[in-house]
Amino acid sequence: MNITDLHIAIVQQDIVWEDKNANFKHLEEVFGKIQQKVDLVILPETFNTGFSPNAKRLAEEPCGETFSWVQSWTERLGAMIIGSWYVLENQGVYNRLFCINSHGVAAHYDKRHTFRLSVEAQIVTGGSGHTVIDVNGWKISPFVCYDLRFPCWVRNHFADGFFDYDIAIYVANWPAIRSKAWQRLLQARSIENLSYTIGVNRVGNDANGTPHSGNSMVVSPNGNVIHQLESGAETLGIFSLKHSNLERYRTKYPFYMDWDNNIIM
């Protein structure tokens, strides 16, 4: 099957603390710099407010203010936009990652592993299911930040000639003090899942003074970093991926034939 190249923009953003309008305005300036055609635009975790202990106060209805703003930009850019924010639904608060195109929500994913070292674990409800979207024939599975530490949850599978996904995306507010783990885990997830892995992390300090270094990157199935944004700097990165490169690697190294697919997550 001839699958077209995938053109992706990733935004390594300094998030203004709990100020949605300021973050929208800033991202509009960033989006204005995207001059070429892209298929996906990926934003960090909680790009509209930052990773806040006030998630309940900041949470919106699923199709609220942030959703409307994102969808308006999918129409202008002609691209799907991926990013997470706090959502209130059925009396629960979720750190929900949306995949939105000009037609609306293509899919969403609720962060499974809420962060134990913060109050998120007490106030945000963890998700229970996986999500896979199709973009130009590519199968993409999105995850959120702390999920990166749980290889069983993000495990790729191969059955009946098909993989669950070709690309895993992780959006994050991952602090600089643990940046080495962020980078190494992205590489490990690529190697063990025979997939591309894209990590999009914020930069700047949050309200607690916690620094974030970004280190947003794209990792190939062999674990090599093929694109990496400048550490500590707000940056827009645009790149393309070829499905044929992935196919060749999987054919040459068919480790998936020995995966333990009988182990159910």
Protein backbone atom coordinates (compact mmCIF):
# COMPACT_ATOMS: atom_id res chain seq x y z
CA MET A 1 0.00 0.00 0.00
CA ASN A 2 1.38 3.39 -1.00
CA ILE A 3 0.98 5.69 2.00
CA THR A 4 1.84 9.34 1.47
CA ASP A 5 4.44 11.25 3.46
CA LEU A 6 3.21 12.77 6.70
CA HIS A 7 3.99 16.46 7.25
CA ILE A 8 4.04 17.43 10.92
CA ALA A 9 4.53 20.64 12.91
CA ILE A 10 5.39 20.43 16.61
CA VAL A 11 5.19 23.42 18.94
CA GLN A 12 7.61 23.59 21.86
CA GLN A 13 5.71 26.19 23.84
CA ASP A 14 6.29 28.32 26.94
CA ILE A 15 2.85 28.16 28.56
CA VAL A 16 1.43 31.20 30.36
CA TRP A 17 0.13 29.99 33.72
CA GLU A 18 -3.66 29.57 33.79
CA ASP A 19 -4.19 32.25 31.14
CA LYS A 20 -6.05 30.76 28.20
CA ASN A 21 -6.36 33.97 26.22
CA ALA A 22 -2.63 34.71 26.48
CA ASN A 23 -1.79 31.19 25.31
CA PHE A 24 -4.25 31.38 22.43
CA LYS A 25 -2.81 34.71 21.32
CA HIS A 26 0.74 33.41 21.48
CA LEU A 27 -0.10 30.23 19.57
CA GLU A 28 -1.84 32.27 16.89
CA GLU A 29 1.49 34.00 16.28
CA VAL A 30 3.22 30.63 16.08
CA PHE A 31 0.61 29.23 13.70
CA GLY A 32 1.13 32.24 11.46
CA LYS A 33 4.68 31.01 10.86
CA ILE A 34 3.47 27.75 9.33
CA GLN A 35 3.66 28.60 5.65
CA GLN A 36 3.78 25.13 4.11
CA LYS A 37 1.11 22.44 4.05
CA VAL A 38 1.11 20.24 7.14
CA ASP A 39 -1.13 17.34 8.08
CA LEU A 40 -0.67 17.48 11.86
CA VAL A 41 0.07 20.21 14.39
CA ILE A 42 1.02 18.88 17.85
CA LEU A 43 0.87 21.01 21.01
CA PRO A 44 2.13 20.20 24.54
CA GLU A 45 0.03 18.79 27.36
CA THR A 46 -2.41 21.35 28.86
CA PHE A 47 -1.19 23.94 26.35
CA ASN A 48 -3.97 26.38 27.29
CA THR A 49 -3.32 26.61 31.06
CA GLY A 50 -0.23 24.66 32.05
CA PHE A 51 -0.19 21.60 34.30
CA SER A 52 -2.14 23.11 37.18
CA PRO A 53 -3.39 21.86 40.56
CA ASN A 54 -6.54 23.88 39.82
CA ALA A 55 -7.72 21.49 37.13
CA LYS A 56 -11.28 21.41 38.43
CA ARG A 57 -11.62 25.20 38.19
CA LEU A 58 -9.97 25.33 34.78
CA ALA A 59 -11.89 22.42 33.25
CA GLU A 60 -14.25 23.10 30.35
CA GLU A 61 -17.12 21.26 28.77
CA PRO A 62 -15.80 18.92 26.03
CA CYS A 63 -16.82 21.32 23.25
CA GLY A 64 -16.10 24.51 25.15
CA GLU A 65 -13.87 27.53 24.60
CA THR A 66 -10.63 25.72 23.83
CA PHE A 67 -12.31 23.26 21.50
CA SER A 68 -13.87 26.10 19.50
CA TRP A 69 -10.56 27.92 19.26
CA VAL A 70 -8.69 24.81 18.12
CA GLN A 71 -11.27 23.90 15.51
CA SER A 72 -11.16 27.39 14.02
CA TRP A 73 -7.44 26.92 13.46
CA THR A 74 -7.81 23.47 11.90
CA GLU A 75 -9.84 25.16 9.20
CA ARG A 76 -7.23 27.88 8.62
CA LEU A 77 -4.27 25.52 8.62
CA GLY A 78 -6.00 22.66 6.82
CA ALA A 79 -4.48 20.32 9.40
CA MET A 80 -5.46 18.19 12.37
CA ILE A 81 -4.44 19.70 15.71
CA ILE A 82 -3.52 17.49 18.68
CA GLY A 83 -3.19 18.71 22.27
CA SER A 84 -4.62 18.20 25.75
CA TRP A 85 -6.58 20.29 28.23
CA TYR A 86 -8.77 19.80 31.30
CA VAL A 87 -12.32 18.68 30.57
CA LEU A 88 -15.32 18.28 32.87
CA GLU A 89 -17.60 15.40 31.97
CA ASN A 90 -20.05 13.33 34.03
CA GLN A 91 -18.84 15.12 37.18
CA GLY A 92 -15.27 13.97 36.53
CA VAL A 93 -12.22 16.01 35.47
CA TYR A 94 -10.06 14.54 32.71
CA ASN A 95 -6.73 15.51 31.20
CA ARG A 96 -8.09 14.90 27.71
CA LEU A 97 -6.07 14.86 24.53
CA PHE A 98 -8.12 15.87 21.50
CA CYS A 99 -7.44 15.08 17.85
CA ILE A 100 -9.46 17.74 16.05
CA ASN A 101 -9.95 18.43 12.36
CA SER A 102 -12.18 20.86 10.50
CA HIS A 103 -15.11 18.44 10.90
CA GLY A 104 -14.82 18.28 14.70
CA VAL A 105 -13.34 15.74 17.09
CA ALA A 106 -11.75 12.91 15.13
CA ALA A 107 -10.88 11.16 18.41
CA HIS A 108 -9.89 11.81 21.99
CA TYR A 109 -7.75 10.09 24.61
CA ASP A 110 -7.97 10.53 28.37
CA LYS A 111 -4.62 10.42 30.15
CA ARG A 112 -4.46 6.98 31.72
CA HIS A 113 -1.75 7.53 34.34
CA THR A 114 -2.40 10.62 36.42
CA PHE A 115 0.79 11.91 37.98
CA ARG A 116 1.31 10.53 41.50
CA LEU A 117 3.89 13.17 42.48
CA SER A 118 1.33 15.95 42.09
CA VAL A 119 -2.30 16.54 43.05
CA GLU A 120 -3.35 15.41 39.58
CA ALA A 121 -3.70 11.87 40.90
CA GLN A 122 -6.30 13.09 43.42
CA ILE A 123 -8.39 15.40 41.24
CA VAL A 124 -8.13 14.04 37.69
CA THR A 125 -9.81 10.81 36.61
CA GLY A 126 -7.60 8.43 34.67
CA GLY A 127 -8.76 7.14 31.30
CA SER A 128 -9.47 3.52 30.49
CA GLY A 129 -9.04 3.10 26.74
CA HIS A 130 -6.63 3.50 23.85
CA THR A 131 -7.12 5.63 20.77
CA VAL A 132 -5.82 5.12 17.24
CA ILE A 133 -6.46 7.63 14.47
CA ASP A 134 -5.79 7.38 10.75
CA VAL A 135 -4.07 10.29 9.05
CA ASN A 136 -3.15 9.80 5.39
CA GLY A 137 -3.01 6.04 5.95
CA TRP A 138 -0.74 6.35 9.01
CA LYS A 139 -2.02 4.81 12.24
CA ILE A 140 -1.28 7.11 15.15
CA SER A 141 -1.77 6.43 18.86
CA PRO A 142 -1.60 9.44 21.22
CA PHE A 143 -0.63 9.42 24.90
CA VAL A 144 -0.05 12.02 27.61
CA CYS A 145 3.15 12.66 29.59
CA TYR A 146 3.33 10.18 32.52
CA ASP A 147 1.95 7.40 30.26
CA LEU A 148 5.46 7.28 28.76
CA ARG A 149 6.72 5.44 31.86
CA PHE A 150 4.35 2.49 31.38
CA PRO A 151 5.49 0.24 28.52
CA CYS A 152 2.71 -2.31 28.99
CA TRP A 153 0.03 0.35 28.53
CA VAL A 154 1.57 1.85 25.39
CA ARG A 155 2.56 -1.50 23.89
CA ASN A 156 2.18 -1.95 20.14
CA HIS A 157 0.77 -5.24 18.82
CA PHE A 158 0.90 -7.13 15.55
CA ALA A 159 -1.93 -9.38 14.41
CA ASP A 160 -3.36 -10.51 11.07
CA GLY A 161 -0.66 -8.61 9.20
CA PHE A 162 -1.29 -5.27 10.89
CA PHE A 163 0.30 -3.20 13.66
CA ASP A 164 -1.80 -1.26 16.16
CA TYR A 165 0.08 1.90 15.29
CA ASP A 166 2.91 3.40 13.24
CA ILE A 167 3.50 6.49 15.38
CA ALA A 168 3.11 7.04 19.12
CA ILE A 169 2.71 10.67 20.17
CA TYR A 170 3.41 11.88 23.71
CA VAL A 171 2.40 15.41 24.71
CA ALA A 172 3.91 16.55 27.99
CA ASN A 173 4.76 19.02 30.73
CA TRP A 174 7.87 17.02 31.67
CA PRO A 175 10.22 18.91 34.07
CA ALA A 176 13.83 19.59 33.15
CA ILE A 177 15.16 17.75 36.20
CA ARG A 178 13.98 14.49 34.61
CA SER A 179 14.79 15.38 31.00
CA LYS A 180 17.24 12.49 30.65
CA ALA A 181 14.45 10.03 31.48
CA TRP A 182 12.16 11.78 28.98
CA GLN A 183 14.66 11.39 26.16
CA ARG A 184 15.70 7.83 26.98
CA LEU A 185 12.15 6.60 27.40
CA LEU A 186 11.09 8.06 24.04
CA GLN A 187 13.92 6.13 22.43
CA ALA A 188 13.06 2.94 24.30
CA ARG A 189 9.39 3.12 23.32
CA SER A 190 10.40 3.42 19.64
CA ILE A 191 12.74 0.45 19.78
CA GLU A 192 10.40 -1.91 21.59
CA ASN A 193 7.33 -0.96 19.53
CA LEU A 194 8.96 -0.77 16.08
CA SER A 195 7.37 2.62 15.55
CA TYR A 196 8.16 6.27 15.21
CA THR A 197 7.78 8.14 18.49
CA ILE A 198 7.11 11.87 18.76
CA GLY A 199 7.49 13.67 22.09
CA VAL A 200 6.26 17.27 22.40
CA ASN A 201 7.15 18.97 25.67
CA ARG A 202 6.80 22.52 26.99
CA VAL A 203 9.57 24.93 27.96
CA GLY A 204 9.71 27.69 30.58
CA ASN A 205 8.88 27.79 34.30
CA ASP A 206 5.49 27.02 35.78
CA ALA A 207 3.95 28.90 38.72
CA ASN A 208 5.95 26.77 41.16
CA GLY A 209 9.18 27.79 39.48
CA THR A 210 9.67 24.33 37.99
CA PRO A 211 11.73 24.62 34.77
CA HIS A 212 10.92 22.64 31.63
CA SER A 213 13.55 22.14 28.94
CA GLY A 214 11.41 20.86 26.09
CA ASN A 215 13.73 18.39 24.37
CA SER A 216 10.89 17.68 21.97
CA MET A 217 11.97 15.07 19.47
CA VAL A 218 11.15 12.55 16.79
CA VAL A 219 12.64 9.07 17.19
CA SER A 220 12.90 6.42 14.48
CA PRO A 221 12.09 2.73 15.06
CA ASN A 222 15.77 1.95 15.64
CA GLY A 223 15.92 4.46 18.48
CA ASN A 224 17.81 7.18 16.60
CA VAL A 225 16.74 10.77 17.21
CA ILE A 226 16.03 12.12 13.73
CA HIS A 227 14.64 15.53 14.76
CA GLN A 228 15.19 17.40 18.02
CA LEU A 229 14.20 20.94 18.96
CA GLU A 230 16.57 23.26 20.78
CA SER A 231 16.59 22.61 24.51
CA GLY A 232 15.02 25.36 26.59
CA ALA A 233 13.85 27.45 23.66
CA GLU A 234 10.40 28.10 22.27
CA THR A 235 10.56 26.49 18.86
CA LEU A 236 8.39 25.46 15.94
CA GLY A 237 9.63 22.31 14.24
CA ILE A 238 8.36 21.09 10.89
CA PHE A 239 9.38 17.76 9.39
CA SER A 240 8.14 14.87 7.22
CA LEU A 241 8.04 11.13 7.75
CA LYS A 242 8.08 8.43 5.06
CA HIS A 243 6.07 5.29 5.67
CA SER A 244 8.34 3.37 3.30
CA ASN A 245 11.25 3.87 5.72
CA LEU A 246 9.18 2.32 8.50
CA GLU A 247 8.14 -0.58 6.27
CA ARG A 248 11.74 -1.32 5.29
CA TYR A 249 12.90 -1.34 8.90
CA ARG A 250 10.08 -3.65 10.01
CA THR A 251 10.84 -6.00 7.12
CA LYS A 252 14.56 -6.10 7.86
CA TYR A 253 14.09 -6.53 11.61
CA PRO A 254 10.83 -8.48 12.13
CA PHE A 255 11.12 -8.60 15.91
CA TYR A 256 7.33 -8.27 16.08
CA MET A 257 7.08 -11.92 15.04
CA ASP A 258 8.21 -12.82 18.56
CA TRP A 259 6.17 -10.30 20.49
CA ASP A 260 4.07 -11.66 23.32
CA ASN A 261 0.78 -10.66 21.76
CA ASN A 262 -1.11 -13.02 24.01
CA ILE A 263 -0.47 -10.63 26.93
CA ILE A 264 -3.50 -8.37 27.15
CA MET A 265 -3.14 -4.87 28.61
